[in-house]
């Protein structure tokens, strides 16, 4: 757990549990002009937990799940 800020509701400190997530970014140049890309964020479906004042005072827990993005770039 680490201090991530002071404030929000008065001078109370906010803490966040340490967490890790696995992200992936792959791109492939089909030609000199065309590139395809795929990005995956939070593949391990980790939850971020934030607390106010003490670790027994959960402020919120964020679990967005994995997110995927596909991209195409073309150079003229």
PDB file of N, CA and C in Angstrom:
ATOM      1  N   UNK A   1       0.844  -1.178   0.000  1.00  0.00           N
ATOM      2  CA  UNK A   1       0.000   0.000   0.000  1.00  0.00           C
ATOM      3  C   UNK A   1       0.889   1.240   0.000  1.00  0.00           C
ATOM      4  N   UNK A   2       0.537   2.225  -0.829  1.00  0.00           N
ATOM      5  CA  UNK A   2       1.327   3.448  -0.891  1.00  0.00           C
ATOM      6  C   UNK A   2       0.416   4.669  -0.880  1.00  0.00           C
ATOM      7  N   UNK A   3       0.947   5.778  -0.398  1.00  0.00           N
ATOM      8  CA  UNK A   3       0.223   7.043  -0.363  1.00  0.00           C
ATOM      9  C   UNK A   3       0.144   7.589  -1.781  1.00  0.00           C
ATOM     10  N   UNK A   4      -1.072   7.850  -2.264  1.00  0.00           N
ATOM     11  CA  UNK A   4      -1.213   8.392  -3.615  1.00  0.00           C
ATOM     12  C   UNK A   4      -1.745   9.815  -3.635  1.00  0.00           C
ATOM     13  N   UNK A   5      -1.985  10.410  -2.468  1.00  0.00           N
ATOM     14  CA  UNK A   5      -2.423  11.798  -2.456  1.00  0.00           C
ATOM     15  C   UNK A   5      -3.055  12.186  -1.134  1.00  0.00           C
ATOM     16  N   UNK A   6      -3.210  13.478  -0.969  1.00  0.00           N
ATOM     17  CA  UNK A   6      -3.873  14.029   0.208  1.00  0.00           C
ATOM     18  C   UNK A   6      -4.937  14.976  -0.304  1.00  0.00           C
ATOM     19  N   UNK A   7      -6.121  14.852   0.213  1.00  0.00           N
ATOM     20  CA  UNK A   7      -7.193  15.727  -0.227  1.00  0.00           C
ATOM     21  C   UNK A   7      -8.452  14.930  -0.470  1.00  0.00           C
ATOM     22  N   UNK A   8      -9.184  15.320  -1.476  1.00  0.00           N
ATOM     23  CA  UNK A   8     -10.453  14.659  -1.736  1.00  0.00           C
ATOM     24  C   UNK A   8     -11.504  15.184  -0.784  1.00  0.00           C
ATOM     25  N   UNK A   9     -11.525  14.657   0.429  1.00  0.00           N
ATOM     26  CA  UNK A   9     -12.470  15.086   1.463  1.00  0.00           C
ATOM     27  C   UNK A   9     -11.667  15.645   2.625  1.00  0.00           C
ATOM     28  N   UNK A  10     -11.239  16.878   2.536  1.00  0.00           N
ATOM     29  CA  UNK A  10     -10.422  17.483   3.579  1.00  0.00           C
ATOM     30  C   UNK A  10      -8.980  17.010   3.474  1.00  0.00           C
ATOM     31  N   UNK A  11      -8.267  17.027   4.601  1.00  0.00           N
ATOM     32  CA  UNK A  11      -6.844  16.679   4.572  1.00  0.00           C
ATOM     33  C   UNK A  11      -6.575  15.174   4.709  1.00  0.00           C
ATOM     34  N   UNK A  12      -7.555  14.332   4.437  1.00  0.00           N
ATOM     35  CA  UNK A  12      -7.376  12.890   4.605  1.00  0.00           C
ATOM     36  C   UNK A  12      -6.465  12.314   3.527  1.00  0.00           C
ATOM     37  N   UNK A  13      -5.522  11.458   3.919  1.00  0.00           N
ATOM     38  CA  UNK A  13      -4.658  10.821   2.929  1.00  0.00           C
ATOM     39  C   UNK A  13      -5.410   9.710   2.191  1.00  0.00           C
ATOM     40  N   UNK A  14      -5.030   9.480   0.947  1.00  0.00           N
ATOM     41  CA  UNK A  14      -5.576   8.388   0.145  1.00  0.00           C
ATOM     42  C   UNK A  14      -4.456   7.405  -0.148  1.00  0.00           C
ATOM     43  N   UNK A  15      -4.746   6.121   0.011  1.00  0.00           N
ATOM     44  CA  UNK A  15      -3.766   5.072  -0.224  1.00  0.00           C
ATOM     45  C   UNK A  15      -4.271   4.132  -1.314  1.00  0.00           C
ATOM     46  N   UNK A  16      -3.348   3.550  -2.049  1.00  0.00           N
ATOM     47  CA  UNK A  16      -3.682   2.560  -3.073  1.00  0.00           C
ATOM     48  C   UNK A  16      -2.866   1.307  -2.827  1.00  0.00           C
ATOM     49  N   UNK A  17      -3.528   0.150  -2.888  1.00  0.00           N
ATOM     50  CA  UNK A  17      -2.810  -1.122  -2.798  1.00  0.00           C
ATOM     51  C   UNK A  17      -1.929  -1.284  -4.025  1.00  0.00           C
ATOM     52  N   UNK A  18      -0.746  -1.814  -3.815  1.00  0.00           N
ATOM     53  CA  UNK A  18       0.118  -2.134  -4.946  1.00  0.00           C
ATOM     54  C   UNK A  18      -0.556  -3.236  -5.767  1.00  0.00           C
ATOM     55  N   UNK A  19      -0.471  -3.123  -7.077  1.00  0.00           N
ATOM     56  CA  UNK A  19      -1.043  -4.148  -7.944  1.00  0.00           C
ATOM     57  C   UNK A  19      -0.248  -4.180  -9.241  1.00  0.00           C
ATOM     58  N   UNK A  20      -0.342  -5.266  -9.935  1.00  0.00           N
ATOM     59  CA  UNK A  20       0.324  -5.390 -11.228  1.00  0.00           C
ATOM     60  C   UNK A  20      -0.683  -5.839 -12.261  1.00  0.00           C
ATOM     61  N   UNK A  21      -0.434  -5.445 -13.476  1.00  0.00           N
ATOM     62  CA  UNK A  21      -1.298  -5.898 -14.557  1.00  0.00           C
ATOM     63  C   UNK A  21      -0.435  -6.184 -15.772  1.00  0.00           C
ATOM     64  N   UNK A  22      -0.919  -7.060 -16.615  1.00  0.00           N
ATOM     65  CA  UNK A  22      -0.195  -7.440 -17.820  1.00  0.00           C
ATOM     66  C   UNK A  22      -0.827  -6.746 -19.017  1.00  0.00           C
ATOM     67  N   UNK A  23      -0.029  -5.946 -19.733  1.00  0.00           N
ATOM     68  CA  UNK A  23      -0.469  -5.267 -20.945  1.00  0.00           C
ATOM     69  C   UNK A  23       0.335  -5.809 -22.123  1.00  0.00           C
ATOM     70  N   UNK A  24      -0.233  -5.719 -23.314  1.00  0.00           N
ATOM     71  CA  UNK A  24       0.421  -6.230 -24.513  1.00  0.00           C
ATOM     72  C   UNK A  24       0.149  -5.285 -25.669  1.00  0.00           C
ATOM     73  N   UNK A  25       1.172  -5.013 -26.462  1.00  0.00           N
ATOM     74  CA  UNK A  25       1.025  -4.169 -27.643  1.00  0.00           C
ATOM     75  C   UNK A  25       1.824  -4.804 -28.770  1.00  0.00           C
ATOM     76  N   UNK A  26       1.147  -5.120 -29.863  1.00  0.00           N
ATOM     77  CA  UNK A  26       1.784  -5.757 -31.014  1.00  0.00           C
ATOM     78  C   UNK A  26       1.436  -4.946 -32.257  1.00  0.00           C
ATOM     79  N   UNK A  27       2.432  -4.728 -33.114  1.00  0.00           N
ATOM     80  CA  UNK A  27       2.152  -4.088 -34.402  1.00  0.00           C
ATOM     81  C   UNK A  27       2.865  -4.872 -35.499  1.00  0.00           C
ATOM     82  N   UNK A  28       2.276  -4.844 -36.688  1.00  0.00           N
ATOM     83  CA  UNK A  28       2.808  -5.582 -37.828  1.00  0.00           C
ATOM     84  C   UNK A  28       2.742  -4.689 -39.060  1.00  0.00           C
ATOM     85  N   UNK A  29       3.897  -4.491 -39.683  1.00  0.00           N
ATOM     86  CA  UNK A  29       3.959  -3.691 -40.913  1.00  0.00           C
ATOM     87  C   UNK A  29       3.649  -4.608 -42.090  1.00  0.00           C
ATOM     88  N   UNK A  30       2.452  -4.478 -42.638  1.00  0.00           N
ATOM     89  CA  UNK A  30       2.041  -5.274 -43.788  1.00  0.00           C
ATOM     90  C   UNK A  30       2.827  -4.838 -45.016  1.00  0.00           C
ATOM     91  N   UNK A  31       3.044  -3.533 -45.134  1.00  0.00           N
ATOM     92  CA  UNK A  31       3.831  -2.956 -46.228  1.00  0.00           C
ATOM     93  C   UNK A  31       4.464  -1.667 -45.710  1.00  0.00           C
ATOM     94  N   UNK A  32       5.154  -0.928 -46.578  1.00  0.00           N
ATOM     95  CA  UNK A  32       5.736   0.356 -46.173  1.00  0.00           C
ATOM     96  C   UNK A  32       4.656   1.366 -45.785  1.00  0.00           C
ATOM     97  N   UNK A  33       3.456   1.215 -46.319  1.00  0.00           N
ATOM     98  CA  UNK A  33       2.374   2.158 -46.047  1.00  0.00           C
ATOM     99  C   UNK A  33       1.386   1.679 -44.978  1.00  0.00           C
ATOM    100  N   UNK A  34       1.195   0.367 -44.838  1.00  0.00           N
ATOM    101  CA  UNK A  34       0.126  -0.163 -43.992  1.00  0.00           C
ATOM    102  C   UNK A  34       0.682  -0.880 -42.757  1.00  0.00           C
ATOM    103  N   UNK A  35       0.204  -0.460 -41.572  1.00  0.00           N
ATOM    104  CA  UNK A  35       0.587  -1.097 -40.312  1.00  0.00           C
ATOM    105  C   UNK A  35      -0.679  -1.447 -39.530  1.00  0.00           C
ATOM    106  N   UNK A  36      -0.731  -2.667 -39.013  1.00  0.00           N
ATOM    107  CA  UNK A  36      -1.834  -3.121 -38.169  1.00  0.00           C
ATOM    108  C   UNK A  36      -1.325  -3.219 -36.735  1.00  0.00           C
ATOM    109  N   UNK A  37      -2.165  -2.897 -35.763  1.00  0.00           N
ATOM    110  CA  UNK A  37      -1.735  -2.982 -34.366  1.00  0.00           C
ATOM    111  C   UNK A  37      -2.859  -3.533 -33.493  1.00  0.00           C
ATOM    112  N   UNK A  38      -2.447  -4.197 -32.420  1.00  0.00           N
ATOM    113  CA  UNK A  38      -3.374  -4.739 -31.436  1.00  0.00           C
ATOM    114  C   UNK A  38      -2.826  -4.403 -30.059  1.00  0.00           C
ATOM    115  N   UNK A  39      -3.681  -3.861 -29.196  1.00  0.00           N
ATOM    116  CA  UNK A  39      -3.284  -3.537 -27.833  1.00  0.00           C
ATOM    117  C   UNK A  39      -4.269  -4.190 -26.870  1.00  0.00           C
ATOM    118  N   UNK A  40      -3.737  -4.852 -25.856  1.00  0.00           N
ATOM    119  CA  UNK A  40      -4.554  -5.472 -24.811  1.00  0.00           C
ATOM    120  C   UNK A  40      -4.082  -4.910 -23.470  1.00  0.00           C
ATOM    121  N   UNK A  41      -5.011  -4.408 -22.676  1.00  0.00           N
ATOM    122  CA  UNK A  41      -4.695  -3.783 -21.391  1.00  0.00           C
ATOM    123  C   UNK A  41      -5.363  -4.582 -20.274  1.00  0.00           C
ATOM    124  N   UNK A  42      -4.607  -4.830 -19.211  1.00  0.00           N
ATOM    125  CA  UNK A  42      -5.089  -5.534 -18.023  1.00  0.00           C
ATOM    126  C   UNK A  42      -5.576  -6.946 -18.352  1.00  0.00           C
ATOM    127  N   UNK A  43      -4.743  -7.707 -19.042  1.00  0.00           N
ATOM    128  CA  UNK A  43      -5.101  -9.077 -19.412  1.00  0.00           C
ATOM    129  C   UNK A  43      -5.360  -9.970 -18.202  1.00  0.00           C
ATOM    130  N   UNK A  44      -4.758  -9.661 -17.064  1.00  0.00           N
ATOM    131  CA  UNK A  44      -4.922 -10.473 -15.859  1.00  0.00           C
ATOM    132  C   UNK A  44      -6.124 -10.050 -15.010  1.00  0.00           C
ATOM    133  N   UNK A  45      -6.904  -9.072 -15.492  1.00  0.00           N
ATOM    134  CA  UNK A  45      -8.137  -8.627 -14.833  1.00  0.00           C
ATOM    135  C   UNK A  45      -7.904  -8.231 -13.370  1.00  0.00           C
ATOM    136  N   UNK A  46      -6.886  -7.409 -13.135  1.00  0.00           N
ATOM    137  CA  UNK A  46      -6.540  -6.972 -11.779  1.00  0.00           C
ATOM    138  C   UNK A  46      -7.498  -5.891 -11.282  1.00  0.00           C
ATOM    139  N   UNK A  47      -7.639  -5.809  -9.970  1.00  0.00           N
ATOM    140  CA  UNK A  47      -8.483  -4.810  -9.318  1.00  0.00           C
ATOM    141  C   UNK A  47      -7.600  -3.793  -8.603  1.00  0.00           C
ATOM    142  N   UNK A  48      -7.898  -2.505  -8.770  1.00  0.00           N
ATOM    143  CA  UNK A  48      -7.188  -1.446  -8.059  1.00  0.00           C
ATOM    144  C   UNK A  48      -8.061  -1.000  -6.887  1.00  0.00           C
ATOM    145  N   UNK A  49      -7.487  -1.013  -5.681  1.00  0.00           N
ATOM    146  CA  UNK A  49      -8.226  -0.631  -4.473  1.00  0.00           C
ATOM    147  C   UNK A  49      -7.612   0.622  -3.859  1.00  0.00           C
ATOM    148  N   UNK A  50      -8.466   1.597  -3.546  1.00  0.00           N
ATOM    149  CA  UNK A  50      -8.030   2.848  -2.932  1.00  0.00           C
ATOM    150  C   UNK A  50      -8.747   3.014  -1.593  1.00  0.00           C
ATOM    151  N   UNK A  51      -7.991   3.486  -0.598  1.00  0.00           N
ATOM    152  CA  UNK A  51      -8.503   3.633   0.764  1.00  0.00           C
ATOM    153  C   UNK A  51      -8.346   5.079   1.228  1.00  0.00           C
ATOM    154  N   UNK A  52      -9.202   5.482   2.185  1.00  0.00           N
ATOM    155  CA  UNK A  52      -9.086   6.789   2.840  1.00  0.00           C
ATOM    156  C   UNK A  52      -8.632   6.577   4.272  1.00  0.00           C
ATOM    157  N   UNK A  53      -7.638   7.308   4.678  1.00  0.00           N
ATOM    158  CA  UNK A  53      -7.078   7.312   6.035  1.00  0.00           C
ATOM    159  C   UNK A  53      -6.457   5.985   6.455  1.00  0.00           C
ATOM    160  N   UNK A  54      -7.210   4.874   6.416  1.00  0.00           N
ATOM    161  CA  UNK A  54      -6.714   3.571   6.863  1.00  0.00           C
ATOM    162  C   UNK A  54      -7.070   2.516   5.817  1.00  0.00           C
ATOM    163  N   UNK A  55      -6.317   1.419   5.814  1.00  0.00           N
ATOM    164  CA  UNK A  55      -6.597   0.355   4.840  1.00  0.00           C
ATOM    165  C   UNK A  55      -7.900  -0.382   5.126  1.00  0.00           C
ATOM    166  N   UNK A  56      -8.512  -0.157   6.274  1.00  0.00           N
ATOM    167  CA  UNK A  56      -9.820  -0.762   6.536  1.00  0.00           C
ATOM    168  C   UNK A  56     -10.968   0.156   6.106  1.00  0.00           C
ATOM    169  N   UNK A  57     -10.648   1.297   5.484  1.00  0.00           N
ATOM    170  CA  UNK A  57     -11.667   2.239   4.996  1.00  0.00           C
ATOM    171  C   UNK A  57     -11.595   2.302   3.471  1.00  0.00           C
ATOM    172  N   UNK A  58     -12.170   1.284   2.827  1.00  0.00           N
ATOM    173  CA  UNK A  58     -12.144   1.206   1.365  1.00  0.00           C
ATOM    174  C   UNK A  58     -12.887   2.387   0.758  1.00  0.00           C
ATOM    175  N   UNK A  59     -12.223   3.106  -0.108  1.00  0.00           N
ATOM    176  CA  UNK A  59     -12.850   4.245  -0.789  1.00  0.00           C
ATOM    177  C   UNK A  59     -13.517   3.773  -2.070  1.00  0.00           C
ATOM    178  N   UNK A  60     -12.783   3.035  -2.889  1.00  0.00           N
ATOM    179  CA  UNK A  60     -13.374   2.405  -4.066  1.00  0.00           C
ATOM    180  C   UNK A  60     -12.455   1.308  -4.584  1.00  0.00           C
ATOM    181  N   UNK A  61     -13.050   0.400  -5.335  1.00  0.00           N
ATOM    182  CA  UNK A  61     -12.311  -0.669  -6.003  1.00  0.00           C
ATOM    183  C   UNK A  61     -12.682  -0.604  -7.478  1.00  0.00           C
ATOM    184  N   UNK A  62     -11.680  -0.558  -8.330  1.00  0.00           N
ATOM    185  CA  UNK A  62     -11.903  -0.446  -9.766  1.00  0.00           C
ATOM    186  C   UNK A  62     -11.470  -1.731 -10.443  1.00  0.00           C
ATOM    187  N   UNK A  63     -12.405  -2.371 -11.138  1.00  0.00           N
ATOM    188  CA  UNK A  63     -12.084  -3.569 -11.902  1.00  0.00           C
ATOM    189  C   UNK A  63     -12.712  -3.397 -13.279  1.00  0.00           C
ATOM    190  N   UNK A  64     -11.910  -2.920 -14.214  1.00  0.00           N
ATOM    191  CA  UNK A  64     -12.425  -2.627 -15.552  1.00  0.00           C
ATOM    192  C   UNK A  64     -12.421  -3.841 -16.460  1.00  0.00           C
ATOM    193  N   UNK A  65     -11.706  -4.892 -16.065  1.00  0.00           N
ATOM    194  CA  UNK A  65     -11.586  -6.061 -16.929  1.00  0.00           C
ATOM    195  C   UNK A  65     -10.605  -5.786 -18.051  1.00  0.00           C
ATOM    196  N   UNK A  66     -10.311  -6.797 -18.836  1.00  0.00           N
ATOM    197  CA  UNK A  66      -9.398  -6.604 -19.968  1.00  0.00           C
ATOM    198  C   UNK A  66     -10.037  -5.701 -21.028  1.00  0.00           C
ATOM    199  N   UNK A  67      -9.197  -4.902 -21.688  1.00  0.00           N
ATOM    200  CA  UNK A  67      -9.660  -4.037 -22.782  1.00  0.00           C
ATOM    201  C   UNK A  67      -8.797  -4.304 -24.001  1.00  0.00           C
ATOM    202  N   UNK A  68      -9.409  -4.284 -25.168  1.00  0.00           N
ATOM    203  CA  UNK A  68      -8.711  -4.585 -26.415  1.00  0.00           C
ATOM    204  C   UNK A  68      -8.950  -3.465 -27.418  1.00  0.00           C
ATOM    205  N   UNK A  69      -7.893  -3.109 -28.140  1.00  0.00           N
ATOM    206  CA  UNK A  69      -8.000  -2.094 -29.187  1.00  0.00           C
ATOM    207  C   UNK A  69      -7.273  -2.591 -30.432  1.00  0.00           C
ATOM    208  N   UNK A  70      -7.866  -2.335 -31.573  1.00  0.00           N
ATOM    209  CA  UNK A  70      -7.280  -2.699 -32.853  1.00  0.00           C
ATOM    210  C   UNK A  70      -7.081  -1.421 -33.652  1.00  0.00           C
ATOM    211  N   UNK A  71      -5.928  -1.294 -34.299  1.00  0.00           N
ATOM    212  CA  UNK A  71      -5.649  -0.077 -35.056  1.00  0.00           C
ATOM    213  C   UNK A  71      -5.087  -0.371 -36.434  1.00  0.00           C
ATOM    214  N   UNK A  72      -5.353   0.545 -37.338  1.00  0.00           N
ATOM    215  CA  UNK A  72      -4.831   0.484 -38.703  1.00  0.00           C
ATOM    216  C   UNK A  72      -4.231   1.840 -39.021  1.00  0.00           C
ATOM    217  N   UNK A  73      -2.992   1.842 -39.539  1.00  0.00           N
ATOM    218  CA  UNK A  73      -2.357   3.097 -39.950  1.00  0.00           C
ATOM    219  C   UNK A  73      -1.917   2.946 -41.399  1.00  0.00           C
ATOM    220  N   UNK A  74      -2.258   3.965 -42.189  1.00  0.00           N
ATOM    221  CA  UNK A  74      -1.868   3.963 -43.598  1.00  0.00           C
ATOM    222  C   UNK A  74      -1.160   5.271 -43.906  1.00  0.00           C
ATOM    223  N   UNK A  75       0.033   5.185 -44.480  1.00  0.00           N
ATOM    224  CA  UNK A  75       0.804   6.369 -44.872  1.00  0.00           C
ATOM    225  C   UNK A  75       0.611   6.620 -46.361  1.00  0.00           C
ATOM    226  N   UNK A  76       0.247   7.848 -46.702  1.00  0.00           N
ATOM    227  CA  UNK A  76       0.058   8.218 -48.109  1.00  0.00           C
ATOM    228  C   UNK A  76       1.349   8.675 -48.723  1.00  0.00           C
TER     229      UNK A  76
END
